[in-house]
Amino acid sequence: MHPNVERVAAALAAKGASGRIVELAEPAPTAQAAADLLGCEVGAIANSLVFDADGSPLLVLTSGAHRVDVKHIAVVVGAAEVKRATPEFVREATGQPIGGVAPVGHPAPLRTLVDTWLSKHPVVWAAGGHPHTVFPTTYDELLRLTGGTATEVA
């Protein structure tokens, strides 16, 4: 198991998560790719997107069916500017690569917003720390695991 996946699995176990990490036959760097591999709606994929909010990392877990409105998010978090983080910024904040960022298992807790649209799905799939891994969870559990704030992000 990849070290990132081990860290995410340990974080999930420590927080009492119900789902376990699943290794996919192919990488799933996009929500659509993950949905295709899992046989679910793209909206049930929880994209883990890291943004740079005035120099601080901000994790937004959004439905794969949405694009994040960064101007709206800036207002929500009280930032002058929210922009897409660079791959280096993402790896520094999460220890994980873009395309495999999990909602947990980071070097330090991240401020997290969780898209309310994910609540429409009984099972939500999130990345497991590597582009080949995902885990099933629920919207309520995702909020609990991350300490995130329920937010309309689109």
N, C-alpha and C. Protein backbone atom coordinates (compact mmCIF):
# COMPACT_ATOMS: atom_id res chain seq x y z
N MET A 1 0.86 -1.18 0.00
CA MET A 1 0.00 0.00 0.00
C MET A 1 0.90 1.24 0.00
N HIS A 2 0.55 2.22 -0.81
CA HIS A 2 1.29 3.47 -0.90
C HIS A 2 1.26 4.18 0.47
N PRO A 3 2.36 4.83 0.87
CA PRO A 3 2.38 5.51 2.18
C PRO A 3 1.25 6.53 2.37
N ASN A 4 0.87 7.25 1.31
CA ASN A 4 -0.25 8.20 1.44
C ASN A 4 -1.54 7.47 1.78
N VAL A 5 -1.75 6.34 1.13
CA VAL A 5 -2.96 5.55 1.35
C VAL A 5 -2.96 4.99 2.78
N GLU A 6 -1.79 4.57 3.24
CA GLU A 6 -1.69 4.08 4.62
C GLU A 6 -2.06 5.19 5.62
N ARG A 7 -1.58 6.42 5.37
CA ARG A 7 -1.90 7.54 6.27
C ARG A 7 -3.41 7.83 6.25
N VAL A 8 -4.01 7.80 5.05
CA VAL A 8 -5.45 8.06 4.96
C VAL A 8 -6.22 6.94 5.65
N ALA A 9 -5.84 5.69 5.42
CA ALA A 9 -6.52 4.55 6.06
C ALA A 9 -6.42 4.66 7.58
N ALA A 10 -5.25 5.05 8.07
CA ALA A 10 -5.09 5.21 9.52
C ALA A 10 -5.96 6.34 10.05
N ALA A 11 -6.04 7.44 9.32
CA ALA A 11 -6.88 8.57 9.74
C ALA A 11 -8.35 8.17 9.74
N LEU A 12 -8.76 7.44 8.71
CA LEU A 12 -10.16 6.98 8.65
C LEU A 12 -10.48 6.05 9.82
N ALA A 13 -9.58 5.11 10.10
CA ALA A 13 -9.80 4.17 11.21
C ALA A 13 -9.84 4.92 12.54
N ALA A 14 -8.93 5.86 12.73
CA ALA A 14 -8.88 6.62 13.98
C ALA A 14 -10.15 7.44 14.20
N LYS A 15 -10.77 7.86 13.12
CA LYS A 15 -11.98 8.68 13.22
C LYS A 15 -13.26 7.84 13.15
N GLY A 16 -13.10 6.51 13.09
CA GLY A 16 -14.26 5.62 13.09
C GLY A 16 -15.06 5.64 11.80
N ALA A 17 -14.40 5.83 10.68
CA ALA A 17 -15.09 5.84 9.38
C ALA A 17 -15.67 4.47 9.08
N SER A 18 -16.81 4.45 8.42
CA SER A 18 -17.46 3.19 8.09
C SER A 18 -16.88 2.52 6.84
N GLY A 19 -16.40 3.31 5.88
CA GLY A 19 -15.90 2.75 4.63
C GLY A 19 -14.41 2.46 4.68
N ARG A 20 -13.99 1.57 3.80
CA ARG A 20 -12.58 1.23 3.69
C ARG A 20 -12.09 1.61 2.30
N ILE A 21 -10.81 1.88 2.19
CA ILE A 21 -10.22 2.28 0.92
C ILE A 21 -10.27 1.14 -0.09
N VAL A 22 -10.66 1.51 -1.31
CA VAL A 22 -10.75 0.57 -2.43
C VAL A 22 -9.72 0.99 -3.46
N GLU A 23 -8.96 0.01 -3.96
CA GLU A 23 -7.99 0.31 -5.02
C GLU A 23 -8.67 0.08 -6.37
N LEU A 24 -8.58 1.08 -7.22
CA LEU A 24 -9.18 1.01 -8.55
C LEU A 24 -8.20 0.41 -9.55
N ALA A 25 -8.73 -0.21 -10.60
CA ALA A 25 -7.90 -0.83 -11.63
C ALA A 25 -7.13 0.21 -12.43
N GLU A 26 -7.67 1.42 -12.50
CA GLU A 26 -7.05 2.51 -13.25
C GLU A 26 -7.06 3.76 -12.37
N PRO A 27 -6.19 4.72 -12.66
CA PRO A 27 -6.26 5.97 -11.89
C PRO A 27 -7.56 6.72 -12.20
N ALA A 28 -8.02 7.46 -11.23
CA ALA A 28 -9.25 8.25 -11.40
C ALA A 28 -8.94 9.71 -11.05
N PRO A 29 -8.22 10.40 -11.94
CA PRO A 29 -7.82 11.77 -11.63
C PRO A 29 -8.94 12.80 -11.75
N THR A 30 -10.09 12.40 -12.32
CA THR A 30 -11.22 13.31 -12.44
C THR A 30 -12.46 12.66 -11.84
N ALA A 31 -13.45 13.49 -11.52
CA ALA A 31 -14.71 12.96 -10.99
C ALA A 31 -15.39 12.04 -11.99
N GLN A 32 -15.37 12.41 -13.26
CA GLN A 32 -16.02 11.57 -14.27
C GLN A 32 -15.32 10.22 -14.39
N ALA A 33 -13.99 10.22 -14.35
CA ALA A 33 -13.25 8.96 -14.42
C ALA A 33 -13.59 8.07 -13.23
N ALA A 34 -13.66 8.66 -12.04
CA ALA A 34 -14.01 7.89 -10.85
C ALA A 34 -15.43 7.35 -10.95
N ALA A 35 -16.36 8.18 -11.38
CA ALA A 35 -17.76 7.74 -11.52
C ALA A 35 -17.87 6.59 -12.52
N ASP A 36 -17.15 6.70 -13.63
CA ASP A 36 -17.18 5.63 -14.63
C ASP A 36 -16.65 4.32 -14.06
N LEU A 37 -15.57 4.38 -13.32
CA LEU A 37 -14.98 3.17 -12.74
C LEU A 37 -15.86 2.58 -11.64
N LEU A 38 -16.55 3.43 -10.90
CA LEU A 38 -17.38 2.97 -9.78
C LEU A 38 -18.81 2.66 -10.19
N GLY A 39 -19.22 3.11 -11.37
CA GLY A 39 -20.59 2.89 -11.81
C GLY A 39 -21.60 3.72 -11.03
N CYS A 40 -21.23 4.95 -10.71
CA CYS A 40 -22.15 5.83 -9.97
C CYS A 40 -22.29 7.15 -10.72
N GLU A 41 -23.18 7.99 -10.23
CA GLU A 41 -23.35 9.32 -10.80
C GLU A 41 -22.14 10.18 -10.46
N VAL A 42 -21.77 11.05 -11.38
CA VAL A 42 -20.63 11.93 -11.14
C VAL A 42 -20.87 12.83 -9.94
N GLY A 43 -22.12 13.15 -9.65
CA GLY A 43 -22.45 13.99 -8.50
C GLY A 43 -22.15 13.33 -7.16
N ALA A 44 -21.97 12.00 -7.14
CA ALA A 44 -21.67 11.28 -5.91
C ALA A 44 -20.17 11.23 -5.62
N ILE A 45 -19.38 11.82 -6.49
CA ILE A 45 -17.93 11.88 -6.28
C ILE A 45 -17.62 13.17 -5.53
N ALA A 46 -16.91 13.04 -4.42
CA ALA A 46 -16.51 14.20 -3.63
C ALA A 46 -15.11 14.61 -4.08
N ASN A 47 -15.05 15.58 -4.97
CA ASN A 47 -13.75 16.11 -5.41
C ASN A 47 -13.11 16.85 -4.24
N SER A 48 -11.85 16.54 -3.99
CA SER A 48 -11.09 17.26 -2.97
C SER A 48 -10.24 18.30 -3.69
N LEU A 49 -10.68 19.54 -3.63
CA LEU A 49 -9.99 20.62 -4.31
C LEU A 49 -9.34 21.54 -3.29
N VAL A 50 -8.05 21.78 -3.48
CA VAL A 50 -7.33 22.65 -2.57
C VAL A 50 -7.18 24.02 -3.23
N PHE A 51 -7.52 25.04 -2.47
CA PHE A 51 -7.40 26.42 -2.93
C PHE A 51 -6.44 27.17 -2.04
N ASP A 52 -5.91 28.24 -2.58
CA ASP A 52 -5.05 29.16 -1.85
C ASP A 52 -5.95 30.34 -1.46
N ALA A 53 -6.26 30.43 -0.18
CA ALA A 53 -7.11 31.51 0.33
C ALA A 53 -6.24 32.48 1.10
N ASP A 54 -5.82 33.52 0.42
CA ASP A 54 -4.91 34.51 1.03
C ASP A 54 -3.66 33.86 1.61
N GLY A 55 -3.15 32.84 0.91
CA GLY A 55 -1.92 32.18 1.35
C GLY A 55 -2.11 30.97 2.24
N SER A 56 -3.34 30.71 2.67
CA SER A 56 -3.63 29.55 3.52
C SER A 56 -4.38 28.50 2.72
N PRO A 57 -4.11 27.21 2.98
CA PRO A 57 -4.84 26.17 2.24
C PRO A 57 -6.30 26.09 2.67
N LEU A 58 -7.15 25.89 1.72
CA LEU A 58 -8.59 25.71 1.94
C LEU A 58 -9.01 24.49 1.13
N LEU A 59 -9.52 23.48 1.79
CA LEU A 59 -10.00 22.27 1.13
C LEU A 59 -11.50 22.40 0.88
N VAL A 60 -11.90 22.24 -0.37
CA VAL A 60 -13.31 22.28 -0.72
C VAL A 60 -13.67 20.91 -1.28
N LEU A 61 -14.57 20.22 -0.59
CA LEU A 61 -15.06 18.93 -1.06
C LEU A 61 -16.35 19.21 -1.82
N THR A 62 -16.26 19.11 -3.12
CA THR A 62 -17.39 19.48 -3.96
C THR A 62 -17.91 18.28 -4.74
N SER A 63 -19.19 18.30 -5.02
CA SER A 63 -19.79 17.28 -5.87
C SER A 63 -19.12 17.33 -7.23
N GLY A 64 -18.85 16.16 -7.80
CA GLY A 64 -18.25 16.08 -9.12
C GLY A 64 -19.08 16.74 -10.19
N ALA A 65 -20.33 17.03 -9.88
CA ALA A 65 -21.22 17.68 -10.84
C ALA A 65 -21.11 19.21 -10.80
N HIS A 66 -20.27 19.73 -9.90
CA HIS A 66 -20.17 21.18 -9.72
C HIS A 66 -18.78 21.72 -10.01
N ARG A 67 -18.75 23.01 -10.30
CA ARG A 67 -17.51 23.78 -10.31
C ARG A 67 -17.61 24.75 -9.14
N VAL A 68 -16.52 24.95 -8.46
CA VAL A 68 -16.51 25.85 -7.31
C VAL A 68 -16.49 27.30 -7.79
N ASP A 69 -17.35 28.11 -7.21
CA ASP A 69 -17.39 29.55 -7.46
C ASP A 69 -16.44 30.20 -6.47
N VAL A 70 -15.22 30.52 -6.93
CA VAL A 70 -14.20 31.02 -6.01
C VAL A 70 -14.55 32.39 -5.42
N LYS A 71 -15.28 33.21 -6.15
CA LYS A 71 -15.68 34.51 -5.59
C LYS A 71 -16.65 34.31 -4.43
N HIS A 72 -17.58 33.37 -4.60
CA HIS A 72 -18.53 33.04 -3.53
C HIS A 72 -17.78 32.46 -2.32
N ILE A 73 -16.86 31.55 -2.58
CA ILE A 73 -16.10 30.92 -1.50
C ILE A 73 -15.27 31.96 -0.75
N ALA A 74 -14.70 32.91 -1.47
CA ALA A 74 -13.92 33.97 -0.81
C ALA A 74 -14.78 34.72 0.20
N VAL A 75 -16.02 35.02 -0.20
CA VAL A 75 -16.94 35.70 0.72
C VAL A 75 -17.24 34.81 1.92
N VAL A 76 -17.50 33.52 1.67
CA VAL A 76 -17.84 32.57 2.73
C VAL A 76 -16.73 32.49 3.77
N VAL A 77 -15.48 32.43 3.31
CA VAL A 77 -14.36 32.26 4.26
C VAL A 77 -13.71 33.58 4.68
N GLY A 78 -14.20 34.70 4.13
CA GLY A 78 -13.66 35.99 4.52
C GLY A 78 -12.27 36.26 3.98
N ALA A 79 -11.99 35.75 2.78
CA ALA A 79 -10.68 35.95 2.15
C ALA A 79 -10.76 37.03 1.08
N ALA A 80 -9.69 37.77 0.92
CA ALA A 80 -9.64 38.76 -0.15
C ALA A 80 -9.58 38.07 -1.51
N GLU A 81 -8.86 36.92 -1.54
CA GLU A 81 -8.73 36.19 -2.80
C GLU A 81 -8.64 34.69 -2.54
N VAL A 82 -9.39 33.94 -3.32
CA VAL A 82 -9.30 32.48 -3.32
C VAL A 82 -8.97 32.08 -4.74
N LYS A 83 -7.88 31.32 -4.89
CA LYS A 83 -7.49 30.87 -6.22
C LYS A 83 -7.05 29.41 -6.16
N ARG A 84 -7.08 28.75 -7.32
CA ARG A 84 -6.66 27.36 -7.42
C ARG A 84 -5.21 27.26 -6.98
N ALA A 85 -4.92 26.31 -6.14
CA ALA A 85 -3.56 26.12 -5.63
C ALA A 85 -2.68 25.43 -6.67
N THR A 86 -1.40 25.71 -6.61
CA THR A 86 -0.44 25.04 -7.49
C THR A 86 -0.25 23.60 -6.99
N PRO A 87 0.24 22.72 -7.86
CA PRO A 87 0.52 21.34 -7.41
C PRO A 87 1.47 21.30 -6.21
N GLU A 88 2.43 22.18 -6.17
CA GLU A 88 3.38 22.22 -5.05
C GLU A 88 2.68 22.65 -3.76
N PHE A 89 1.80 23.64 -3.85
CA PHE A 89 1.04 24.11 -2.69
C PHE A 89 0.16 22.99 -2.16
N VAL A 90 -0.49 22.26 -3.08
CA VAL A 90 -1.37 21.15 -2.70
C VAL A 90 -0.57 20.07 -1.97
N ARG A 91 0.56 19.68 -2.54
CA ARG A 91 1.36 18.62 -1.93
C ARG A 91 1.90 19.05 -0.56
N GLU A 92 2.30 20.33 -0.45
CA GLU A 92 2.80 20.82 0.84
C GLU A 92 1.69 20.80 1.90
N ALA A 93 0.49 21.20 1.51
CA ALA A 93 -0.63 21.28 2.46
C ALA A 93 -1.20 19.91 2.83
N THR A 94 -1.20 18.98 1.85
CA THR A 94 -1.88 17.69 2.07
C THR A 94 -0.95 16.50 2.14
N GLY A 95 0.25 16.63 1.55
CA GLY A 95 1.14 15.48 1.45
C GLY A 95 0.71 14.53 0.35
N GLN A 96 -0.28 14.94 -0.46
CA GLN A 96 -0.87 14.07 -1.48
C GLN A 96 -0.87 14.77 -2.83
N PRO A 97 -0.87 13.98 -3.92
CA PRO A 97 -0.86 14.58 -5.25
C PRO A 97 -2.25 15.00 -5.72
N ILE A 98 -2.29 16.00 -6.57
CA ILE A 98 -3.55 16.37 -7.21
C ILE A 98 -4.08 15.13 -7.93
N GLY A 99 -5.38 14.91 -7.85
CA GLY A 99 -5.99 13.73 -8.45
C GLY A 99 -6.17 12.60 -7.47
N GLY A 100 -5.57 12.74 -6.29
CA GLY A 100 -5.71 11.71 -5.26
C GLY A 100 -5.86 12.28 -3.87
N VAL A 101 -6.09 13.58 -3.76
CA VAL A 101 -6.18 14.22 -2.44
C VAL A 101 -7.41 13.70 -1.70
N ALA A 102 -7.14 13.16 -0.52
CA ALA A 102 -8.21 12.65 0.35
C ALA A 102 -8.71 13.77 1.25
N PRO A 103 -9.89 13.61 1.82
CA PRO A 103 -10.41 14.61 2.75
C PRO A 103 -9.70 14.60 4.10
N VAL A 104 -8.94 13.53 4.38
CA VAL A 104 -8.24 13.37 5.66
C VAL A 104 -6.82 12.86 5.40
N GLY A 105 -6.04 12.76 6.47
CA GLY A 105 -4.70 12.20 6.35
C GLY A 105 -3.64 13.21 5.98
N HIS A 106 -3.89 14.47 6.24
CA HIS A 106 -2.96 15.55 5.91
C HIS A 106 -1.99 15.77 7.07
N PRO A 107 -0.87 16.43 6.81
CA PRO A 107 0.08 16.71 7.90
C PRO A 107 -0.54 17.53 9.04
N ALA A 108 -1.46 18.41 8.71
CA ALA A 108 -2.17 19.22 9.71
C ALA A 108 -3.60 19.39 9.23
N PRO A 109 -4.55 19.58 10.14
CA PRO A 109 -5.93 19.79 9.72
C PRO A 109 -6.06 20.99 8.78
N LEU A 110 -6.93 20.87 7.79
CA LEU A 110 -7.19 21.95 6.83
C LEU A 110 -8.58 22.49 7.05
N ARG A 111 -8.73 23.79 6.91
CA ARG A 111 -10.08 24.37 6.89
C ARG A 111 -10.79 23.74 5.70
N THR A 112 -12.01 23.22 5.94
CA THR A 112 -12.70 22.44 4.92
C THR A 112 -14.15 22.88 4.77
N LEU A 113 -14.56 23.04 3.52
CA LEU A 113 -15.95 23.28 3.17
C LEU A 113 -16.46 22.04 2.44
N VAL A 114 -17.68 21.62 2.75
CA VAL A 114 -18.26 20.43 2.14
C VAL A 114 -19.53 20.84 1.40
N ASP A 115 -19.53 20.59 0.11
CA ASP A 115 -20.64 20.95 -0.78
C ASP A 115 -21.94 20.29 -0.32
N THR A 116 -22.96 21.11 -0.08
CA THR A 116 -24.26 20.58 0.37
C THR A 116 -24.90 19.65 -0.66
N TRP A 117 -24.52 19.78 -1.94
CA TRP A 117 -25.09 18.92 -2.97
C TRP A 117 -24.72 17.45 -2.78
N LEU A 118 -23.63 17.19 -2.09
CA LEU A 118 -23.24 15.81 -1.83
C LEU A 118 -24.27 15.09 -0.97
N SER A 119 -25.06 15.85 -0.20
CA SER A 119 -26.07 15.25 0.68
C SER A 119 -27.18 14.56 -0.10
N LYS A 120 -27.27 14.80 -1.41
CA LYS A 120 -28.31 14.18 -2.23
C LYS A 120 -28.02 12.71 -2.55
N HIS A 121 -26.82 12.25 -2.18
CA HIS A 121 -26.41 10.89 -2.51
C HIS A 121 -26.24 10.06 -1.24
N PRO A 122 -26.83 8.87 -1.18
CA PRO A 122 -26.70 8.04 0.02
C PRO A 122 -25.26 7.56 0.23
N VAL A 123 -24.52 7.38 -0.86
CA VAL A 123 -23.10 7.00 -0.78
C VAL A 123 -22.31 8.03 -1.57
N VAL A 124 -21.27 8.53 -0.95
CA VAL A 124 -20.37 9.50 -1.56
C VAL A 124 -19.00 8.85 -1.62
N TRP A 125 -18.31 9.04 -2.73
CA TRP A 125 -16.97 8.46 -2.90
C TRP A 125 -15.93 9.57 -2.87
N ALA A 126 -14.89 9.39 -2.05
CA ALA A 126 -13.81 10.37 -1.93
C ALA A 126 -12.47 9.70 -2.21
N ALA A 127 -11.50 10.48 -2.62
CA ALA A 127 -10.16 9.95 -2.92
C ALA A 127 -9.49 9.44 -1.65
N GLY A 128 -8.62 8.45 -1.85
CA GLY A 128 -7.94 7.81 -0.73
C GLY A 128 -6.48 8.15 -0.57
N GLY A 129 -6.03 9.28 -1.14
CA GLY A 129 -4.64 9.69 -0.98
C GLY A 129 -3.75 9.40 -2.17
N HIS A 130 -4.33 8.76 -3.18
CA HIS A 130 -3.58 8.38 -4.39
C HIS A 130 -4.61 8.27 -5.51
N PRO A 131 -4.23 8.61 -6.75
CA PRO A 131 -5.21 8.57 -7.85
C PRO A 131 -5.85 7.20 -8.13
N HIS A 132 -5.30 6.13 -7.56
CA HIS A 132 -5.86 4.79 -7.75
C HIS A 132 -6.79 4.37 -6.61
N THR A 133 -7.05 5.25 -5.66
CA THR A 133 -7.81 4.82 -4.48
C THR A 133 -8.97 5.76 -4.16
N VAL A 134 -10.04 5.17 -3.63
CA VAL A 134 -11.22 5.90 -3.18
C VAL A 134 -11.78 5.18 -1.96
N PHE A 135 -12.70 5.85 -1.27
CA PHE A 135 -13.42 5.17 -0.20
C PHE A 135 -14.85 5.69 -0.17
N PRO A 136 -15.80 4.80 0.22
CA PRO A 136 -17.19 5.21 0.34
C PRO A 136 -17.46 5.82 1.71
N THR A 137 -18.34 6.79 1.72
CA THR A 137 -18.74 7.42 2.97
C THR A 137 -20.13 8.02 2.76
N THR A 138 -20.59 8.75 3.72
CA THR A 138 -21.85 9.49 3.58
C THR A 138 -21.56 10.97 3.77
N TYR A 139 -22.50 11.77 3.39
CA TYR A 139 -22.33 13.22 3.56
C TYR A 139 -22.11 13.58 5.03
N ASP A 140 -22.96 13.06 5.91
CA ASP A 140 -22.84 13.37 7.33
C ASP A 140 -21.51 12.89 7.88
N GLU A 141 -21.07 11.71 7.45
CA GLU A 141 -19.79 11.21 7.93
C GLU A 141 -18.64 12.06 7.40
N LEU A 142 -18.75 12.52 6.16
CA LEU A 142 -17.72 13.37 5.58
C LEU A 142 -17.58 14.67 6.39
N LEU A 143 -18.70 15.24 6.79
CA LEU A 143 -18.66 16.42 7.65
C LEU A 143 -17.96 16.11 8.97
N ARG A 144 -18.29 14.97 9.55
CA ARG A 144 -17.69 14.59 10.84
C ARG A 144 -16.20 14.29 10.70
N LEU A 145 -15.83 13.54 9.67
CA LEU A 145 -14.42 13.17 9.47
C LEU A 145 -13.52 14.39 9.28
N THR A 146 -14.03 15.38 8.58
CA THR A 146 -13.21 16.53 8.22
C THR A 146 -13.37 17.72 9.17
N GLY A 147 -14.42 17.70 9.98
CA GLY A 147 -14.74 18.89 10.77
C GLY A 147 -15.13 20.03 9.86
N GLY A 148 -15.60 19.67 8.65
CA GLY A 148 -15.93 20.65 7.62
C GLY A 148 -17.23 21.39 7.88
N THR A 149 -17.41 22.43 7.11
CA THR A 149 -18.61 23.26 7.18
C THR A 149 -19.46 23.00 5.94
N ALA A 150 -20.73 22.67 6.15
CA ALA A 150 -21.66 22.47 5.03
C ALA A 150 -21.85 23.81 4.32
N THR A 151 -21.60 23.83 3.01
CA THR A 151 -21.60 25.07 2.25
C THR A 151 -22.06 24.84 0.83
N GLU A 152 -22.85 25.78 0.29
CA GLU A 152 -23.12 25.75 -1.14
C GLU A 152 -21.89 26.35 -1.80
N VAL A 153 -21.24 25.58 -2.67
CA VAL A 153 -19.97 26.03 -3.24
C VAL A 153 -20.07 26.45 -4.70
N ALA A 154 -21.18 26.14 -5.35
CA ALA A 154 -21.32 26.45 -6.78
C ALA A 154 -22.20 27.67 -6.97
